[in-house]
PDB file of N, CA and C in Angstrom:
ATOM      1  N   MET A   1     132.220  76.233 106.391  1.00  0.00           N
ATOM      2  CA  MET A   1     131.788  76.158 105.016  1.00  0.00           C
ATOM      3  C   MET A   1     130.546  75.282 104.877  1.00  0.00           C
ATOM      4  N   ILE A   2     130.540  74.150 105.595  1.00  0.00           N
ATOM      5  CA  ILE A   2     129.393  73.252 105.549  1.00  0.00           C
ATOM      6  C   ILE A   2     128.174  73.926 106.169  1.00  0.00           C
ATOM      7  N   LEU A   3     128.393  74.669 107.276  1.00  0.00           N
ATOM      8  CA  LEU A   3     127.290  75.373 107.921  1.00  0.00           C
ATOM      9  C   LEU A   3     126.666  76.384 106.966  1.00  0.00           C
ATOM     10  N   LYS A   4     127.510  77.089 106.214  1.00  0.00           N
ATOM     11  CA  LYS A   4     127.009  78.072 105.247  1.00  0.00           C
ATOM     12  C   LYS A   4     126.157  77.387 104.173  1.00  0.00           C
ATOM     13  N   ALA A   5     126.595  76.246 103.695  1.00  0.00           N
ATOM     14  CA  ALA A   5     125.847  75.509 102.672  1.00  0.00           C
ATOM     15  C   ALA A   5     124.509  75.024 103.221  1.00  0.00           C
ATOM     16  N   VAL A   6     124.498  74.553 104.473  1.00  0.00           N
ATOM     17  CA  VAL A   6     123.260  74.075 105.090  1.00  0.00           C
ATOM     18  C   VAL A   6     122.290  75.234 105.288  1.00  0.00           C
ATOM     19  N   LEU A   7     122.792  76.377 105.775  1.00  0.00           N
ATOM     20  CA  LEU A   7     121.934  77.548 105.981  1.00  0.00           C
ATOM     21  C   LEU A   7     121.381  78.065 104.658  1.00  0.00           C
ATOM     22  N   THR A   8     122.203  78.081 103.627  1.00  0.00           N
ATOM     23  CA  THR A   8     121.750  78.527 102.308  1.00  0.00           C
ATOM     24  C   THR A   8     120.660  77.601 101.782  1.00  0.00           C
ATOM     25  N   ALA A   9     120.864  76.301 101.915  1.00  0.00           N
ATOM     26  CA  ALA A   9     119.868  75.332 101.453  1.00  0.00           C
ATOM     27  C   ALA A   9     118.567  75.488 102.233  1.00  0.00           C
ATOM     28  N   PHE A  10     118.666  75.713 103.562  1.00  0.00           N
ATOM     29  CA  PHE A  10     117.470  75.902 104.376  1.00  0.00           C
ATOM     30  C   PHE A  10     116.726  77.165 103.952  1.00  0.00           C
ATOM     31  N   PHE A  11     117.466  78.247 103.746  1.00  0.00           N
ATOM     32  CA  PHE A  11     116.856  79.511 103.346  1.00  0.00           C
ATOM     33  C   PHE A  11     116.140  79.364 102.008  1.00  0.00           C
ATOM     34  N   LEU A  12     116.794  78.749 101.046  1.00  0.00           N
ATOM     35  CA  LEU A  12     116.184  78.573  99.733  1.00  0.00           C
ATOM     36  C   LEU A  12     114.953  77.677  99.799  1.00  0.00           C
ATOM     37  N   ALA A  13     114.962  76.720 100.694  1.00  0.00           N
ATOM     38  CA  ALA A  13     113.820  75.814 100.813  1.00  0.00           C
ATOM     39  C   ALA A  13     112.620  76.491 101.469  1.00  0.00           C
ATOM     40  N   THR A  14     112.851  77.545 102.261  1.00  0.00           N
ATOM     41  CA  THR A  14     111.747  78.194 102.967  1.00  0.00           C
ATOM     42  C   THR A  14     111.250  79.456 102.287  1.00  0.00           C
ATOM     43  N   VAL A  15     111.945  79.939 101.267  1.00  0.00           N
ATOM     44  CA  VAL A  15     111.496  81.133 100.552  1.00  0.00           C
ATOM     45  C   VAL A  15     110.410  80.722  99.569  1.00  0.00           C
ATOM     46  N   PRO A  16     109.224  81.352  99.638  1.00  0.00           N
ATOM     47  CA  PRO A  16     108.166  80.969  98.697  1.00  0.00           C
ATOM     48  C   PRO A  16     108.536  81.341  97.271  1.00  0.00           C
ATOM     49  N   VAL A  17     108.199  80.475  96.355  1.00  0.00           N
ATOM     50  CA  VAL A  17     108.442  80.727  94.943  1.00  0.00           C
ATOM     51  C   VAL A  17     107.130  81.184  94.333  1.00  0.00           C
ATOM     52  N   GLN A  18     107.174  82.299  93.627  1.00  0.00           N
ATOM     53  CA  GLN A  18     105.962  82.850  93.032  1.00  0.00           C
ATOM     54  C   GLN A  18     105.646  82.112  91.742  1.00  0.00           C
ATOM     55  N   ASP A  19     104.431  81.647  91.634  1.00  0.00           N
ATOM     56  CA  ASP A  19     103.977  80.963  90.428  1.00  0.00           C
ATOM     57  C   ASP A  19     103.592  82.008  89.399  1.00  0.00           C
ATOM     58  N   SER A  20     104.326  82.046  88.296  1.00  0.00           N
ATOM     59  CA  SER A  20     104.080  83.079  87.291  1.00  0.00           C
ATOM     60  C   SER A  20     102.700  82.945  86.661  1.00  0.00           C
ATOM     61  N   THR A  21     102.161  81.745  86.584  1.00  0.00           N
ATOM     62  CA  THR A  21     100.842  81.600  85.975  1.00  0.00           C
ATOM     63  C   THR A  21      99.736  82.119  86.887  1.00  0.00           C
ATOM     64  N   ALA A  22      99.956  82.088  88.194  1.00  0.00           N
ATOM     65  CA  ALA A  22      98.930  82.575  89.113  1.00  0.00           C
ATOM     66  C   ALA A  22      98.768  84.088  89.008  1.00  0.00           C
ATOM     67  N   ASP A  23      99.840  84.794  88.690  1.00  0.00           N
ATOM     68  CA  ASP A  23      99.795  86.249  88.628  1.00  0.00           C
ATOM     69  C   ASP A  23      99.639  86.777  87.211  1.00  0.00           C
ATOM     70  N   SER A  24      99.530  85.904  86.240  1.00  0.00           N
ATOM     71  CA  SER A  24      99.447  86.375  84.865  1.00  0.00           C
ATOM     72  C   SER A  24      98.109  87.063  84.630  1.00  0.00           C
ATOM     73  N   ILE A  25      98.140  88.049  83.764  1.00  0.00           N
ATOM     74  CA  ILE A  25      96.953  88.828  83.450  1.00  0.00           C
ATOM     75  C   ILE A  25      96.471  88.430  82.070  1.00  0.00           C
ATOM     76  N   LYS A  26      95.230  88.016  81.989  1.00  0.00           N
ATOM     77  CA  LYS A  26      94.648  87.684  80.683  1.00  0.00           C
ATOM     78  C   LYS A  26      93.992  88.921  80.107  1.00  0.00           C
ATOM     79  N   VAL A  27      94.160  89.094  78.825  1.00  0.00           N
ATOM     80  CA  VAL A  27      93.533  90.189  78.093  1.00  0.00           C
ATOM     81  C   VAL A  27      92.513  89.570  77.148  1.00  0.00           C
ATOM     82  N   ARG A  28      91.335  90.171  77.057  1.00  0.00           N
ATOM     83  CA  ARG A  28      90.318  89.702  76.112  1.00  0.00           C
ATOM     84  C   ARG A  28      90.025  90.835  75.145  1.00  0.00           C
ATOM     85  N   ILE A  29      90.072  90.512  73.852  1.00  0.00           N
ATOM     86  CA  ILE A  29      89.794  91.470  72.783  1.00  0.00           C
ATOM     87  C   ILE A  29      88.505  91.040  72.082  1.00  0.00           C
ATOM     88  N   HIS A  30      87.672  92.019  71.747  1.00  0.00           N
ATOM     89  CA  HIS A  30      86.400  91.769  71.055  1.00  0.00           C
ATOM     90  C   HIS A  30      86.373  92.553  69.747  1.00  0.00           C
ATOM     91  N   VAL A  31      85.894  91.924  68.688  1.00  0.00           N
ATOM     92  CA  VAL A  31      85.616  92.606  67.421  1.00  0.00           C
ATOM     93  C   VAL A  31      84.147  92.324  67.111  1.00  0.00           C
ATOM     94  N   THR A  32      83.333  93.391  67.095  1.00  0.00           N
ATOM     95  CA  THR A  32      81.882  93.254  66.961  1.00  0.00           C
ATOM     96  C   THR A  32      81.407  93.765  65.610  1.00  0.00           C
ATOM     97  N   ASN A  33      80.478  93.051  65.015  1.00  0.00           N
ATOM     98  CA  ASN A  33      79.878  93.433  63.739  1.00  0.00           C
ATOM     99  C   ASN A  33      78.602  94.236  63.995  1.00  0.00           C
ATOM    100  N   LYS A  34      78.659  95.534  63.710  1.00  0.00           N
ATOM    101  CA  LYS A  34      77.478  96.404  63.793  1.00  0.00           C
ATOM    102  C   LYS A  34      77.158  96.978  62.410  1.00  0.00           C
ATOM    103  N   LEU A  35      77.557  96.249  61.363  1.00  0.00           N
ATOM    104  CA  LEU A  35      77.218  96.658  60.004  1.00  0.00           C
ATOM    105  C   LEU A  35      75.710  96.542  59.814  1.00  0.00           C
ATOM    106  N   SER A  36      75.173  97.328  58.899  1.00  0.00           N
ATOM    107  CA  SER A  36      73.712  97.358  58.751  1.00  0.00           C
ATOM    108  C   SER A  36      73.128  96.041  58.239  1.00  0.00           C
ATOM    109  N   SER A  37      73.826  95.351  57.343  1.00  0.00           N
ATOM    110  CA  SER A  37      73.220  94.123  56.804  1.00  0.00           C
ATOM    111  C   SER A  37      74.238  93.183  56.169  1.00  0.00           C
ATOM    112  N   LYS A  38      75.418  93.098  56.748  1.00  0.00           N
ATOM    113  CA  LYS A  38      76.457  92.300  56.102  1.00  0.00           C
ATOM    114  C   LYS A  38      77.226  91.452  57.109  1.00  0.00           C
ATOM    115  N   ILE A  39      77.724  90.313  56.616  1.00  0.00           N
ATOM    116  CA  ILE A  39      78.621  89.484  57.418  1.00  0.00           C
ATOM    117  C   ILE A  39      80.011  90.105  57.350  1.00  0.00           C
ATOM    118  N   LEU A  40      80.684  90.157  58.493  1.00  0.00           N
ATOM    119  CA  LEU A  40      82.029  90.720  58.606  1.00  0.00           C
ATOM    120  C   LEU A  40      83.038  89.577  58.673  1.00  0.00           C
ATOM    121  N   ILE A  41      84.064  89.634  57.829  1.00  0.00           N
ATOM    122  CA  ILE A  41      85.150  88.655  57.895  1.00  0.00           C
ATOM    123  C   ILE A  41      86.260  89.259  58.745  1.00  0.00           C
ATOM    124  N   VAL A  42      86.659  88.540  59.793  1.00  0.00           N
ATOM    125  CA  VAL A  42      87.679  89.002  60.739  1.00  0.00           C
ATOM    126  C   VAL A  42      88.819  87.995  60.739  1.00  0.00           C
ATOM    127  N   HIS A  43      90.038  88.480  60.515  1.00  0.00           N
ATOM    128  CA  HIS A  43      91.228  87.631  60.595  1.00  0.00           C
ATOM    129  C   HIS A  43      92.245  88.344  61.476  1.00  0.00           C
ATOM    130  N   CYS A  44      92.577  87.751  62.616  1.00  0.00           N
ATOM    131  CA  CYS A  44      93.523  88.356  63.557  1.00  0.00           C
ATOM    132  C   CYS A  44      94.682  87.400  63.811  1.00  0.00           C
ATOM    133  N   TRP A  45      95.839  87.970  64.142  1.00  0.00           N
ATOM    134  CA  TRP A  45      97.031  87.162  64.387  1.00  0.00           C
ATOM    135  C   TRP A  45      98.062  87.960  65.174  1.00  0.00           C
ATOM    136  N   SER A  46      98.997  87.230  65.765  1.00  0.00           N
ATOM    137  CA  SER A  46     100.163  87.816  66.430  1.00  0.00           C
ATOM    138  C   SER A  46     101.396  87.149  65.839  1.00  0.00           C
ATOM    139  N   GLY A  47     102.543  87.437  66.403  1.00  0.00           N
ATOM    140  CA  GLY A  47     103.760  86.770  65.963  1.00  0.00           C
ATOM    141  C   GLY A  47     103.761  85.290  66.310  1.00  0.00           C
ATOM    142  N   ASP A  48     102.951  84.906  67.290  1.00  0.00           N
ATOM    143  CA  ASP A  48     102.903  83.519  67.752  1.00  0.00           C
ATOM    144  C   ASP A  48     101.635  82.766  67.365  1.00  0.00           C
ATOM    145  N   ASP A  49     100.544  83.483  67.168  1.00  0.00           N
ATOM    146  CA  ASP A  49      99.247  82.833  66.964  1.00  0.00           C
ATOM    147  C   ASP A  49      98.518  83.394  65.754  1.00  0.00           C
ATOM    148  N   ASP A  50      97.980  82.500  64.929  1.00  0.00           N
ATOM    149  CA  ASP A  50      97.097  82.891  63.836  1.00  0.00           C
ATOM    150  C   ASP A  50      95.697  82.421  64.222  1.00  0.00           C
ATOM    151  N   LEU A  51      94.801  83.369  64.445  1.00  0.00           N
ATOM    152  CA  LEU A  51      93.449  83.036  64.894  1.00  0.00           C
ATOM    153  C   LEU A  51      92.523  82.667  63.741  1.00  0.00           C
ATOM    154  N   ARG A  52      93.020  82.733  62.527  1.00  0.00           N
ATOM    155  CA  ARG A  52      92.295  82.360  61.310  1.00  0.00           C
ATOM    156  C   ARG A  52      91.108  83.284  61.055  1.00  0.00           C
ATOM    157  N   ALA A  53      90.552  83.187  59.867  1.00  0.00           N
ATOM    158  CA  ALA A  53      89.431  84.043  59.471  1.00  0.00           C
ATOM    159  C   ALA A  53      88.124  83.504  60.047  1.00  0.00           C
ATOM    160  N   HIS A  54      87.281  84.434  60.464  1.00  0.00           N
ATOM    161  CA  HIS A  54      85.972  84.098  61.024  1.00  0.00           C
ATOM    162  C   HIS A  54      84.912  84.959  60.360  1.00  0.00           C
ATOM    163  N   ALA A  55      83.771  84.359  60.045  1.00  0.00           N
ATOM    164  CA  ALA A  55      82.620  85.097  59.517  1.00  0.00           C
ATOM    165  C   ALA A  55      81.749  85.479  60.707  1.00  0.00           C
ATOM    166  N   VAL A  56      81.650  86.783  60.954  1.00  0.00           N
ATOM    167  CA  VAL A  56      80.922  87.275  62.126  1.00  0.00           C
ATOM    168  C   VAL A  56      79.586  87.861  61.673  1.00  0.00           C
ATOM    169  N   GLU A  57      78.514  87.296  62.164  1.00  0.00           N
ATOM    170  CA  GLU A  57      77.161  87.744  61.822  1.00  0.00           C
ATOM    171  C   GLU A  57      76.879  89.121  62.431  1.00  0.00           C
ATOM    172  N   ILE A  58      75.835  89.772  61.943  1.00  0.00           N
ATOM    173  CA  ILE A  58      75.421  91.079  62.452  1.00  0.00           C
ATOM    174  C   ILE A  58      75.067  90.962  63.936  1.00  0.00           C
ATOM    175  N   ASP A  59      75.538  91.931  64.714  1.00  0.00           N
ATOM    176  CA  ASP A  59      75.329  92.010  66.168  1.00  0.00           C
ATOM    177  C   ASP A  59      76.010  90.884  66.946  1.00  0.00           C
ATOM    178  N   GLU A  60      76.918  90.177  66.312  1.00  0.00           N
ATOM    179  CA  GLU A  60      77.715  89.154  66.991  1.00  0.00           C
ATOM    180  C   GLU A  60      79.146  89.667  67.107  1.00  0.00           C
ATOM    181  N   ASP A  61      79.950  88.966  67.925  1.00  0.00           N
ATOM    182  CA  ASP A  61      81.350  89.362  67.988  1.00  0.00           C
ATOM    183  C   ASP A  61      82.268  88.157  67.976  1.00  0.00           C
ATOM    184  N   PHE A  62      83.492  88.439  67.586  1.00  0.00           N
ATOM    185  CA  PHE A  62      84.576  87.466  67.646  1.00  0.00           C
ATOM    186  C   PHE A  62      85.482  87.955  68.760  1.00  0.00           C
ATOM    187  N   ASP A  63      85.803  87.077  69.713  1.00  0.00           N
ATOM    188  CA  ASP A  63      86.692  87.498  70.795  1.00  0.00           C
ATOM    189  C   ASP A  63      87.690  86.403  71.106  1.00  0.00           C
ATOM    190  N   TRP A  64      88.780  86.808  71.719  1.00  0.00           N
ATOM    191  CA  TRP A  64      89.811  85.866  72.129  1.00  0.00           C
ATOM    192  C   TRP A  64      90.535  86.442  73.331  1.00  0.00           C
ATOM    193  N   SER A  65      91.181  85.575  74.080  1.00  0.00           N
ATOM    194  CA  SER A  65      91.960  86.027  75.230  1.00  0.00           C
ATOM    195  C   SER A  65      93.364  85.452  75.134  1.00  0.00           C
ATOM    196  N   PHE A  66      94.282  86.128  75.809  1.00  0.00           N
ATOM    197  CA  PHE A  66      95.687  85.742  75.774  1.00  0.00           C
ATOM    198  C   PHE A  66      96.392  86.373  76.960  1.00  0.00           C
ATOM    199  N   GLU A  67      97.582  85.888  77.230  1.00  0.00           N
ATOM    200  CA  GLU A  67      98.432  86.470  78.261  1.00  0.00           C
ATOM    201  C   GLU A  67      99.556  87.230  77.572  1.00  0.00           C
ATOM    202  N   PRO A  68      99.662  88.552  77.793  1.00  0.00           N
ATOM    203  CA  PRO A  68     100.762  89.310  77.198  1.00  0.00           C
ATOM    204  C   PRO A  68     102.106  88.766  77.688  1.00  0.00           C
ATOM    205  N   ASN A  69     103.118  88.889  76.844  1.00  0.00           N
ATOM    206  CA  ASN A  69     104.425  88.369  77.239  1.00  0.00           C
ATOM    207  C   ASN A  69     105.082  89.280  78.276  1.00  0.00           C
ATOM    208  N   GLY A  70     106.092  88.785  78.937  1.00  0.00           N
ATOM    209  CA  GLY A  70     106.792  89.534  79.977  1.00  0.00           C
ATOM    210  C   GLY A  70     107.704  90.619  79.443  1.00  0.00           C
ATOM    211  N   LEU A  71     107.901  90.669  78.138  1.00  0.00           N
ATOM    212  CA  LEU A  71     108.791  91.661  77.532  1.00  0.00           C
ATOM    213  C   LEU A  71     108.068  92.942  77.145  1.00  0.00           C
ATOM    214  N   GLY A  72     106.748  92.939  77.209  1.00  0.00           N
ATOM    215  CA  GLY A  72     105.980  94.123  76.827  1.00  0.00           C
ATOM    216  C   GLY A  72     105.866  94.315  75.331  1.00  0.00           C
ATOM    217  N   THR A  73     105.974  93.228  74.564  1.00  0.00           N
ATOM    218  CA  THR A  73     105.996  93.347  73.103  1.00  0.00           C
ATOM    219  C   THR A  73     104.857  92.609  72.395  1.00  0.00           C
ATOM    220  N   THR A  74     103.842  92.175  73.122  1.00  0.00           N
ATOM    221  CA  THR A  74     102.738  91.446  72.493  1.00  0.00           C
ATOM    222  C   THR A  74     101.976  92.354  71.535  1.00  0.00           C
ATOM    223  N   LEU A  75     101.767  91.875  70.314  1.00  0.00           N
ATOM    224  CA  LEU A  75     101.023  92.605  69.281  1.00  0.00           C
ATOM    225  C   LEU A  75     100.022  91.665  68.627  1.00  0.00           C
ATOM    226  N   PHE A  76      98.826  92.161  68.397  1.00  0.00           N
ATOM    227  CA  PHE A  76      97.837  91.453  67.584  1.00  0.00           C
ATOM    228  C   PHE A  76      97.348  92.395  66.505  1.00  0.00           C
ATOM    229  N   TRP A  77      97.327  91.920  65.272  1.00  0.00           N
ATOM    230  CA  TRP A  77      96.815  92.673  64.131  1.00  0.00           C
ATOM    231  C   TRP A  77      95.524  92.020  63.681  1.00  0.00           C
ATOM    232  N   CYS A  78      94.663  92.820  63.041  1.00  0.00           N
ATOM    233  CA  CYS A  78      93.435  92.271  62.462  1.00  0.00           C
ATOM    234  C   CYS A  78      93.182  92.883  61.093  1.00  0.00           C
ATOM    235  N   ASN A  79      92.661  92.068  60.200  1.00  0.00           N
ATOM    236  CA  ASN A  79      92.124  92.525  58.920  1.00  0.00           C
ATOM    237  C   ASN A  79      90.629  92.273  58.953  1.00  0.00           C
ATOM    238  N   LEU A  80      89.871  93.287  58.553  1.00  0.00           N
ATOM    239  CA  LEU A  80      88.425  93.153  58.421  1.00  0.00           C
ATOM    240  C   LEU A  80      88.080  93.275  56.953  1.00  0.00           C
ATOM    241  N   ALA A  81      87.084  92.536  56.512  1.00  0.00           N
ATOM    242  CA  ALA A  81      86.654  92.612  55.115  1.00  0.00           C
ATOM    243  C   ALA A  81      85.145  92.476  55.049  1.00  0.00           C
ATOM    244  N   VAL A  82      84.558  93.292  54.153  1.00  0.00           N
ATOM    245  CA  VAL A  82      83.125  93.217  53.903  1.00  0.00           C
ATOM    246  C   VAL A  82      82.860  93.754  52.503  1.00  0.00           C
ATOM    247  N   GLU A  83      82.275  92.938  51.650  1.00  0.00           N
ATOM    248  CA  GLU A  83      81.886  93.330  50.290  1.00  0.00           C
ATOM    249  C   GLU A  83      82.962  94.134  49.554  1.00  0.00           C
ATOM    250  N   GLY A  84      84.170  93.613  49.508  1.00  0.00           N
ATOM    251  CA  GLY A  84      85.247  94.253  48.761  1.00  0.00           C
ATOM    252  C   GLY A  84      85.942  95.397  49.479  1.00  0.00           C
ATOM    253  N   ARG A  85      85.466  95.802  50.623  1.00  0.00           N
ATOM    254  CA  ARG A  85      86.134  96.842  51.410  1.00  0.00           C
ATOM    255  C   ARG A  85      86.952  96.178  52.504  1.00  0.00           C
ATOM    256  N   ARG A  86      88.072  96.816  52.828  1.00  0.00           N
ATOM    257  CA  ARG A  86      88.984  96.248  53.828  1.00  0.00           C
ATOM    258  C   ARG A  86      89.392  97.308  54.836  1.00  0.00           C
ATOM    259  N   LEU A  87      89.812  96.809  55.997  1.00  0.00           N
ATOM    260  CA  LEU A  87      90.324  97.682  57.038  1.00  0.00           C
ATOM    261  C   LEU A  87      91.310  96.865  57.857  1.00  0.00           C
ATOM    262  N   SER A  88      92.520  97.379  58.026  1.00  0.00           N
ATOM    263  CA  SER A  88      93.546  96.708  58.825  1.00  0.00           C
ATOM    264  C   SER A  88      93.877  97.579  60.028  1.00  0.00           C
ATOM    265  N   PHE A  89      94.121  96.940  61.159  1.00  0.00           N
ATOM    266  CA  PHE A  89      94.447  97.713  62.362  1.00  0.00           C
ATOM    267  C   PHE A  89      95.195  96.846  63.361  1.00  0.00           C
ATOM    268  N   VAL A  90      95.875  97.506  64.292  1.00  0.00           N
ATOM    269  CA  VAL A  90      96.522  96.822  65.403  1.00  0.00           C
ATOM    270  C   VAL A  90      95.471  96.697  66.503  1.00  0.00           C
ATOM    271  N   ALA A  91      95.073  95.478  66.795  1.00  0.00           N
ATOM    272  CA  ALA A  91      94.027  95.244  67.793  1.00  0.00           C
ATOM    273  C   ALA A  91      94.568  95.343  69.211  1.00  0.00           C
ATOM    274  N   TYR A  92      95.857  95.031  69.392  1.00  0.00           N
ATOM    275  CA  TYR A  92      96.467  95.103  70.715  1.00  0.00           C
ATOM    276  C   TYR A  92      97.959  95.317  70.547  1.00  0.00           C
ATOM    277  N   ASP A  93      98.483  96.335  71.205  1.00  0.00           N
ATOM    278  CA  ASP A  93      99.919  96.620  71.233  1.00  0.00           C
ATOM    279  C   ASP A  93     100.283  96.857  72.687  1.00  0.00           C
ATOM    280  N   GLN A  94     100.910  95.893  73.295  1.00  0.00           N
ATOM    281  CA  GLN A  94     101.204  95.933  74.722  1.00  0.00           C
ATOM    282  C   GLN A  94     102.006  97.170  75.115  1.00  0.00           C
ATOM    283  N   GLY A  95     102.834  97.680  74.221  1.00  0.00           N
ATOM    284  CA  GLY A  95     103.680  98.821  74.536  1.00  0.00           C
ATOM    285  C   GLY A  95     103.065 100.163  74.192  1.00  0.00           C
ATOM    286  N   SER A  96     101.763 100.226  73.949  1.00  0.00           N
ATOM    287  CA  SER A  96     101.119 101.456  73.495  1.00  0.00           C
ATOM    288  C   SER A  96      99.879 101.767  74.323  1.00  0.00           C
ATOM    289  N   ASP A  97      99.481 103.025  74.308  1.00  0.00           N
ATOM    290  CA  ASP A  97      98.225 103.410  74.954  1.00  0.00           C
ATOM    291  C   ASP A  97      97.040 102.736  74.282  1.00  0.00           C
ATOM    292  N   GLU A  98      97.184 102.402  72.997  1.00  0.00           N
ATOM    293  CA  GLU A  98      96.104 101.730  72.275  1.00  0.00           C
ATOM    294  C   GLU A  98      95.798 100.365  72.887  1.00  0.00           C
ATOM    295  N   ALA A  99      96.728  99.828  73.687  1.00  0.00           N
ATOM    296  CA  ALA A  99      96.494  98.526  74.318  1.00  0.00           C
ATOM    297  C   ALA A  99      95.298  98.577  75.255  1.00  0.00           C
ATOM    298  N   LYS A 100      94.880  99.777  75.622  1.00  0.00           N
ATOM    299  CA  LYS A 100      93.727  99.905  76.508  1.00  0.00           C
ATOM    300  C   LYS A 100      92.417  99.634  75.774  1.00  0.00           C
ATOM    301  N   VAL A 101      92.428  99.733  74.453  1.00  0.00           N
ATOM    302  CA  VAL A 101      91.212  99.472  73.676  1.00  0.00           C
ATOM    303  C   VAL A 101      91.039  97.963  73.546  1.00  0.00           C
ATOM    304  N   HIS A 102      89.973  97.442  74.151  1.00  0.00           N
ATOM    305  CA  HIS A 102      89.713  96.007  74.106  1.00  0.00           C
ATOM    306  C   HIS A 102      88.458  95.672  73.318  1.00  0.00           C
ATOM    307  N   TYR A 103      87.716  96.685  72.905  1.00  0.00           N
ATOM    308  CA  TYR A 103      86.471  96.489  72.161  1.00  0.00           C
ATOM    309  C   TYR A 103      86.560  97.246  70.846  1.00  0.00           C
ATOM    310  N   TRP A 104      86.497  96.525  69.744  1.00  0.00           N
ATOM    311  CA  TRP A 104      86.535  97.103  68.403  1.00  0.00           C
ATOM    312  C   TRP A 104      85.187  96.833  67.754  1.00  0.00           C
ATOM    313  N   VAL A 105      84.600  97.864  67.151  1.00  0.00           N
ATOM    314  CA  VAL A 105      83.254  97.740  66.600  1.00  0.00           C
ATOM    315  C   VAL A 105      83.256  98.222  65.156  1.00  0.00           C
ATOM    316  N   ALA A 106      82.833  97.350  64.235  1.00  0.00           N
ATOM    317  CA  ALA A 106      82.774  97.690  62.810  1.00  0.00           C
ATOM    318  C   ALA A 106      81.379  98.193  62.462  1.00  0.00           C
ATOM    319  N   TYR A 107      81.326  99.428  61.927  1.00  0.00           N
ATOM    320  CA  TYR A 107      80.082 100.027  61.430  1.00  0.00           C
ATOM    321  C   TYR A 107      80.236 100.264  59.934  1.00  0.00           C
ATOM    322  N   ASP A 108      79.164 100.683  59.289  1.00  0.00           N
ATOM    323  CA  ASP A 108      79.208 100.955  57.853  1.00  0.00           C
ATOM    324  C   ASP A 108      80.229 102.035  57.498  1.00  0.00           C
ATOM    325  N   ASP A 109      80.449 103.007  58.385  1.00  0.00           N
ATOM    326  CA  ASP A 109      81.379 104.099  58.084  1.00  0.00           C
ATOM    327  C   ASP A 109      82.812 103.832  58.530  1.00  0.00           C
ATOM    328  N   GLY A 110      83.069 102.753  59.270  1.00  0.00           N
ATOM    329  CA  GLY A 110      84.432 102.458  59.681  1.00  0.00           C
ATOM    330  C   GLY A 110      84.509 101.726  61.010  1.00  0.00           C
ATOM    331  N   LEU A 111      85.685 101.810  61.611  1.00  0.00           N
ATOM    332  CA  LEU A 111      85.986 101.078  62.842  1.00  0.00           C
ATOM    333  C   LEU A 111      86.017 102.038  64.026  1.00  0.00           C
ATOM    334  N   TYR A 112      85.432 101.593  65.125  1.00  0.00           N
ATOM    335  CA  TYR A 112      85.422 102.364  66.363  1.00  0.00           C
ATOM    336  C   TYR A 112      86.041 101.512  67.464  1.00  0.00           C
ATOM    337  N   GLY A 113      86.602 102.169  68.468  1.00  0.00           N
ATOM    338  CA  GLY A 113      87.198 101.456  69.584  1.00  0.00           C
ATOM    339  C   GLY A 113      86.720 102.016  70.904  1.00  0.00           C
ATOM    340  N   LYS A 114      86.747 101.154  71.921  1.00  0.00           N
ATOM    341  CA  LYS A 114      86.424 101.600  73.273  1.00  0.00           C
ATOM    342  C   LYS A 114      87.164 100.719  74.269  1.00  0.00           C
ATOM    343  N   VAL A 115      87.390 101.269  75.459  1.00  0.00           N
ATOM    344  CA  VAL A 115      88.176 100.575  76.472  1.00  0.00           C
ATOM    345  C   VAL A 115      87.355  99.482  77.152  1.00  0.00           C
ATOM    346  N   THR A 116      86.143  99.800  77.555  1.00  0.00           N
ATOM    347  CA  THR A 116      85.266  98.809  78.189  1.00  0.00           C
ATOM    348  C   THR A 116      83.961  98.726  77.403  1.00  0.00           C
ATOM    349  N   SER A 117      83.176  97.730  77.702  1.00  0.00           N
ATOM    350  CA  SER A 117      81.931  97.540  76.950  1.00  0.00           C
ATOM    351  C   SER A 117      80.939  98.678  77.166  1.00  0.00           C
ATOM    352  N   THR A 118      81.079  99.444  78.242  1.00  0.00           N
ATOM    353  CA  THR A 118      80.137 100.526  78.531  1.00  0.00           C
ATOM    354  C   THR A 118      80.664 101.908  78.156  1.00  0.00           C
ATOM    355  N   ASP A 119      81.904 102.009  77.700  1.00  0.00           N
ATOM    356  CA  ASP A 119      82.480 103.302  77.306  1.00  0.00           C
ATOM    357  C   ASP A 119      81.892 103.796  75.996  1.00  0.00           C
ATOM    358  N   GLY A 120      82.039 105.100  75.770  1.00  0.00           N
ATOM    359  CA  GLY A 120      81.706 105.658  74.469  1.00  0.00           C
ATOM    360  C   GLY A 120      82.734 105.211  73.440  1.00  0.00           C
ATOM    361  N   GLU A 121      82.340 105.205  72.181  1.00  0.00           N
ATOM    362  CA  GLU A 121      83.217 104.736  71.108  1.00  0.00           C
ATOM    363  C   GLU A 121      83.958 105.901  70.470  1.00  0.00           C
ATOM    364  N   SER A 122      85.198 105.644  70.060  1.00  0.00           N
ATOM    365  CA  SER A 122      86.012 106.623  69.341  1.00  0.00           C
ATOM    366  C   SER A 122      86.279 106.103  67.938  1.00  0.00           C
ATOM    367  N   PHE A 123      86.167 106.981  66.948  1.00  0.00           N
ATOM    368  CA  PHE A 123      86.428 106.584  65.562  1.00  0.00           C
ATOM    369  C   PHE A 123      87.907 106.262  65.404  1.00  0.00           C
ATOM    370  N   MET A 124      88.213 105.108  64.796  1.00  0.00           N
ATOM    371  CA  MET A 124      89.596 104.650  64.669  1.00  0.00           C
ATOM    372  C   MET A 124      90.060 104.505  63.224  1.00  0.00           C
ATOM    373  N   GLY A 125      89.164 104.375  62.254  1.00  0.00           N
ATOM    374  CA  GLY A 125      89.603 104.225  60.876  1.00  0.00           C
ATOM    375  C   GLY A 125      88.466 103.971  59.904  1.00  0.00           C
ATOM    376  N   LYS A 126      88.711 104.340  58.630  1.00  0.00           N
ATOM    377  CA  LYS A 126      87.717 104.179  57.557  1.00  0.00           C
ATOM    378  C   LYS A 126      87.992 102.928  56.738  1.00  0.00           C
ATOM    379  N   TRP A 127      86.949 102.428  56.104  1.00  0.00           N
ATOM    380  CA  TRP A 127      87.079 101.330  55.152  1.00  0.00           C
ATOM    381  C   TRP A 127      87.829 101.816  53.916  1.00  0.00           C
ATOM    382  N   LYS A 128      88.551 100.912  53.279  1.00  0.00           N
ATOM    383  CA  LYS A 128      89.266 101.241  52.034  1.00  0.00           C
ATOM    384  C   LYS A 128      88.734 100.382  50.919  1.00  0.00           C
TER     385      LYS A 128
END
């Protein structure tokens, strides 16, 4: 019995422990203002974090990074506002194909999304 306990302790001491932070994947989301002549107000949040409202100048972007949770349930929502018009959208949904969209671009006609900075843009929604 003692030999079994010693062998178990030795085995546990020699097995490498994986550091979860070393393997974590960071996601970066961008919201870019491509409006013709207006400041864009961007307010994004998740269940854990409120990123607060930001005034984004023309041709500038607001971005943030985070580590998705291990449950596959990380969600970030955003509200955009410009001159009385609004647009709400899910900026990141870990459990959805939309999670691949990391670049959101606001134009005068609405919101566009793309997976990488060099991809073509897809129309995602109109201003209300």
